């Protein structure tokens, strides 16, 4: 039932995005983005509830994966397509087509990211994700709409959204390691949490876009540092039976 609540939020986000494609109301686009966030909250809760109640099952795992595909693959792509490209489609048909292709690219990358995760369960270091998680990828899309809910009106803004869809989609299928919540907790982690709460109170809705920009930038820097030989933070352990990336 918790997973179905997540699925309901993702589907509702699609409905709101499509219904608002003509009117372009900022509040409705923000609502669609918030529904994606709620889908992520329920997605985080379903595993916790299953473990707490002893109801974990293969059926639940499959249902969760299917729900993730719609919630964090299709729904954010539909949101960005309606939000960023439909309104400029009549005047800029090339941008509309590019937006459609970029949105599909995001969906395809989300599907491949989830499939890779399913076949690599137990074969990768649990402290790190291989590629940005689909939930975080969807949150990146939602964060942009929450921060700037009014649809873009300038062509260059539309092309920035094309780059965002392609960039985040590429990160999902990349072999870059993104830290997970299973990292060892420390005083530094508590300080970072307190700092983020302070920034949230100060920046309000723009905080989320800034958070994910910094998250991606720091992760890219960390992977580059590992590549150059730095070991100040332990790199992920490579398992002998890990599927090729």
Protein backbone atom coordinates (compact mmCIF):
# COMPACT_ATOMS: atom_id res chain seq x y z
CA UNK A 1 0.00 0.00 0.00
CA UNK A 2 2.86 2.39 0.72
CA UNK A 3 4.36 1.65 -2.69
CA UNK A 4 0.97 2.25 -4.31
CA UNK A 5 0.79 5.62 -2.54
CA UNK A 6 4.13 6.45 -4.13
CA UNK A 7 2.77 5.35 -7.50
CA UNK A 8 -0.34 7.50 -6.99
CA UNK A 9 1.83 10.56 -6.37
CA UNK A 10 3.86 9.93 -9.53
CA UNK A 11 0.74 9.43 -11.64
CA UNK A 12 -0.87 12.54 -10.15
CA UNK A 13 2.22 14.53 -11.05
CA UNK A 14 1.87 13.42 -14.68
CA UNK A 15 -1.84 14.33 -14.72
CA UNK A 16 -1.19 17.79 -13.26
CA UNK A 17 1.66 18.41 -15.73
CA UNK A 18 -0.42 17.42 -18.76
CA UNK A 19 -3.51 19.32 -17.64
CA UNK A 20 -1.37 22.42 -17.11
CA UNK A 21 0.51 22.19 -20.41
CA UNK A 22 -1.77 24.75 -22.10
CA UNK A 23 -2.44 27.12 -19.20
CA UNK A 24 1.10 27.10 -17.83
CA UNK A 25 0.19 28.07 -14.27
CA UNK A 26 3.27 28.31 -12.06
CA UNK A 27 1.46 26.99 -8.97
CA UNK A 28 0.33 23.86 -10.82
CA UNK A 29 3.84 23.10 -12.04
CA UNK A 30 5.13 23.52 -8.51
CA UNK A 31 2.40 21.15 -7.32
CA UNK A 32 3.48 18.55 -9.89
CA UNK A 33 7.06 18.88 -8.65
CA UNK A 34 6.01 18.55 -5.00
CA UNK A 35 4.09 15.39 -5.89
CA UNK A 36 7.36 13.93 -7.20
CA UNK A 37 8.97 14.72 -3.87
CA UNK A 38 6.10 12.98 -2.05
CA UNK A 39 6.58 9.97 -4.31
CA UNK A 40 10.18 9.88 -3.15
CA UNK A 41 9.11 10.07 0.49
CA UNK A 42 6.77 7.08 0.10
CA UNK A 43 9.48 5.26 -1.85
CA UNK A 44 11.83 5.67 1.12
CA UNK A 45 9.13 4.55 3.54
CA UNK A 46 7.97 1.38 1.82
CA UNK A 47 11.18 -0.57 2.49
CA UNK A 48 11.28 0.64 6.09
CA UNK A 49 7.65 -0.39 6.65
CA UNK A 50 8.21 -3.79 5.01
CA UNK A 51 11.20 -4.53 7.24
CA UNK A 52 9.49 -3.24 10.39
CA UNK A 53 6.38 -5.37 9.80
CA UNK A 54 8.17 -8.44 8.43
CA UNK A 55 6.34 -8.20 5.10
CA UNK A 56 9.33 -7.99 2.73
CA UNK A 57 8.83 -10.09 -0.40
CA UNK A 58 10.03 -10.51 -3.97
CA UNK A 59 6.63 -9.24 -5.12
CA UNK A 60 7.16 -6.01 -3.16
CA UNK A 61 10.62 -5.57 -4.65
CA UNK A 62 9.28 -5.94 -8.19
CA UNK A 63 6.36 -3.58 -7.51
CA UNK A 64 8.75 -1.01 -6.07
CA UNK A 65 10.99 -1.18 -9.13
CA UNK A 66 8.04 -0.76 -11.51
CA UNK A 67 6.75 2.19 -9.49
CA UNK A 68 10.21 3.78 -9.58
CA UNK A 69 10.19 3.67 -13.36
CA UNK A 70 7.04 5.76 -13.58
CA UNK A 71 7.72 8.00 -10.58
CA UNK A 72 11.36 8.83 -11.26
CA UNK A 73 11.66 8.12 -14.98
CA UNK A 74 8.45 9.06 -16.77
CA UNK A 75 6.90 11.61 -14.39
CA UNK A 76 9.87 14.03 -14.22
CA UNK A 77 10.38 13.79 -17.98
CA UNK A 78 6.71 14.64 -18.63
CA UNK A 79 6.92 17.48 -16.11
CA UNK A 80 9.97 19.03 -17.79
CA UNK A 81 8.49 18.55 -21.28
CA UNK A 82 5.24 20.31 -20.38
CA UNK A 83 6.98 22.94 -18.26
CA UNK A 84 9.86 23.80 -20.55
CA UNK A 85 8.92 23.12 -24.15
CA UNK A 86 5.18 22.97 -24.88
CA UNK A 87 4.64 26.72 -24.38
CA UNK A 88 7.40 27.65 -26.82
CA UNK A 89 6.56 24.89 -29.29
CA UNK A 90 4.53 27.00 -31.73
CA UNK A 91 7.26 29.62 -32.10
CA UNK A 92 10.21 27.24 -31.73
CA UNK A 93 9.31 23.85 -33.25
CA UNK A 94 12.96 22.75 -33.26
CA UNK A 95 13.19 23.35 -29.52
CA UNK A 96 9.98 21.39 -29.00
CA UNK A 97 11.42 18.40 -30.87
CA UNK A 98 14.73 18.64 -29.03
CA UNK A 99 12.84 18.82 -25.75
CA UNK A 100 10.90 15.69 -26.65
CA UNK A 101 14.07 13.80 -27.51
CA UNK A 102 15.83 14.99 -24.35
CA UNK A 103 12.84 13.93 -22.25
CA UNK A 104 12.88 10.47 -23.81
CA UNK A 105 16.63 10.26 -23.24
CA UNK A 106 16.01 10.89 -19.53
CA UNK A 107 13.33 8.15 -19.46
CA UNK A 108 15.60 5.67 -21.25
CA UNK A 109 18.49 6.40 -18.88
CA UNK A 110 16.17 5.98 -15.90
CA UNK A 111 15.06 2.57 -17.19
CA UNK A 112 18.64 1.41 -17.72
CA UNK A 113 19.69 2.77 -14.32
CA UNK A 114 16.95 0.79 -12.56
CA UNK A 115 17.69 -2.38 -14.54
CA UNK A 116 21.39 -2.16 -13.65
CA UNK A 117 20.54 -1.61 -9.99
CA UNK A 118 18.27 -4.69 -9.98
CA UNK A 119 20.91 -7.04 -11.40
CA UNK A 120 23.70 -5.65 -9.21
CA UNK A 121 21.95 -5.97 -5.84
CA UNK A 122 24.55 -7.30 -3.38
CA UNK A 123 27.36 -6.97 -5.93
CA UNK A 124 28.42 -3.37 -5.26
CA UNK A 125 29.70 -1.49 -2.24
CA UNK A 126 26.55 -0.41 -0.35
CA UNK A 127 28.21 2.86 0.67
CA UNK A 128 28.03 4.11 -2.91
CA UNK A 129 25.55 4.15 -5.77
CA UNK A 130 26.78 3.39 -9.30
CA UNK A 131 25.51 6.48 -11.10
CA UNK A 132 23.21 9.03 -9.55
CA UNK A 133 20.11 7.30 -8.11
CA UNK A 134 16.92 7.70 -10.14
CA UNK A 135 15.24 9.29 -7.12
CA UNK A 136 17.95 11.95 -6.94
CA UNK A 137 17.77 12.45 -10.72
CA UNK A 138 14.03 13.07 -10.49
CA UNK A 139 14.62 15.36 -7.51
CA UNK A 140 17.00 17.44 -9.63
CA UNK A 141 14.16 18.01 -12.13
CA UNK A 142 11.67 18.78 -9.37
CA UNK A 143 14.09 21.18 -7.67
CA UNK A 144 14.34 23.36 -10.78
CA UNK A 145 10.56 23.63 -11.06
CA UNK A 146 10.11 24.28 -7.34
CA UNK A 147 12.70 27.07 -7.48
CA UNK A 148 11.42 28.68 -10.70
CA UNK A 149 7.81 27.49 -11.24
CA UNK A 150 6.95 29.96 -14.00
CA UNK A 151 7.53 28.31 -17.41
CA UNK A 152 10.59 29.63 -19.28
CA UNK A 153 9.90 32.13 -22.03
CA UNK A 154 13.34 32.55 -23.58
CA UNK A 155 14.87 30.12 -26.06
CA UNK A 156 18.18 29.85 -24.22
CA UNK A 157 16.31 28.78 -21.10
CA UNK A 158 14.73 25.96 -23.07
CA UNK A 159 18.14 24.79 -24.26
CA UNK A 160 19.38 24.85 -20.67
CA UNK A 161 16.57 22.44 -19.79
CA UNK A 162 17.61 20.20 -22.70
CA UNK A 163 21.14 20.16 -21.28
CA UNK A 164 19.77 19.42 -17.80
CA UNK A 165 17.75 16.42 -19.00
CA UNK A 166 20.66 15.01 -20.99
CA UNK A 167 23.20 15.74 -18.26
CA UNK A 168 21.26 14.16 -15.39
CA UNK A 169 20.24 11.23 -17.59
CA UNK A 170 23.88 10.63 -18.44
CA UNK A 171 24.82 10.71 -14.75
CA UNK A 172 22.22 8.01 -14.04
CA UNK A 173 23.85 5.55 -16.45
CA UNK A 174 27.42 6.61 -15.67
CA UNK A 175 29.83 4.54 -13.56
CA UNK A 176 30.55 7.45 -11.21
CA UNK A 177 30.13 6.57 -7.53
CA UNK A 178 27.64 8.68 -5.58
CA UNK A 179 27.71 8.46 -1.76
CA UNK A 180 24.65 6.78 -0.22
CA UNK A 181 22.93 7.26 3.13
CA UNK A 182 24.78 4.15 4.38
CA UNK A 183 27.95 6.14 4.86
CA UNK A 184 29.35 6.12 8.40
CA UNK A 185 27.79 8.91 10.45
CA UNK A 186 30.13 11.48 12.01
CA UNK A 187 30.22 14.90 13.62
CA UNK A 188 30.97 16.37 10.19
CA UNK A 189 27.77 14.82 8.84
CA UNK A 190 25.75 16.41 11.66
CA UNK A 191 27.38 19.77 10.92
CA UNK A 192 26.51 19.46 7.22
CA UNK A 193 22.91 18.59 8.14
CA UNK A 194 22.65 21.65 10.38
CA UNK A 195 24.19 23.82 7.65
CA UNK A 196 21.66 22.56 5.11
CA UNK A 197 18.76 23.27 7.45
CA UNK A 198 20.05 26.79 7.92
CA UNK A 199 20.39 27.32 4.18
CA UNK A 200 16.88 25.96 3.66
CA UNK A 201 15.47 28.50 6.11
CA UNK A 202 17.38 31.27 4.33
CA UNK A 203 17.02 30.37 0.65
CA UNK A 204 13.62 28.62 0.85
CA UNK A 205 12.61 27.12 -2.51
CA UNK A 206 15.89 27.89 -4.30
CA UNK A 207 17.77 25.83 -1.71
CA UNK A 208 16.90 22.53 -3.40
CA UNK A 209 18.33 23.52 -6.79
CA UNK A 210 21.52 24.71 -5.07
CA UNK A 211 21.71 21.53 -2.99
CA UNK A 212 21.66 19.21 -5.99
CA UNK A 213 24.08 21.38 -7.96
CA UNK A 214 26.57 21.20 -5.08
CA UNK A 215 25.89 17.46 -4.56
CA UNK A 216 26.70 16.67 -8.18
CA UNK A 217 29.72 18.98 -8.31
CA UNK A 218 31.26 17.52 -5.14
CA UNK A 219 30.64 13.97 -6.34
CA UNK A 220 32.35 14.70 -9.65
CA UNK A 221 35.29 16.22 -7.76
CA UNK A 222 35.48 13.17 -5.46
CA UNK A 223 35.55 10.74 -8.39
CA UNK A 224 38.24 12.80 -10.10
CA UNK A 225 40.30 12.83 -6.89
CA UNK A 226 40.07 9.02 -6.64
CA UNK A 227 41.15 8.76 -10.28
CA UNK A 228 44.19 10.90 -9.49
CA UNK A 229 45.12 8.69 -6.53
CA UNK A 230 43.70 10.58 -3.54
CA UNK A 231 42.46 8.31 -0.74
CA UNK A 232 41.40 10.79 1.94
CA UNK A 233 37.92 9.27 1.60
CA UNK A 234 37.95 5.52 1.04
CA UNK A 235 36.90 4.64 -2.53
CA UNK A 236 34.26 1.96 -3.12
CA UNK A 237 35.22 -1.68 -2.81
CA UNK A 238 35.04 -3.56 -6.10
CA UNK A 239 33.44 -7.00 -5.87
CA UNK A 240 34.79 -9.79 -8.05
CA UNK A 241 31.31 -10.79 -9.27
CA UNK A 242 30.13 -7.23 -10.00
CA UNK A 243 28.38 -6.85 -13.35
CA UNK A 244 30.44 -4.89 -15.90
CA UNK A 245 29.49 -1.18 -15.87
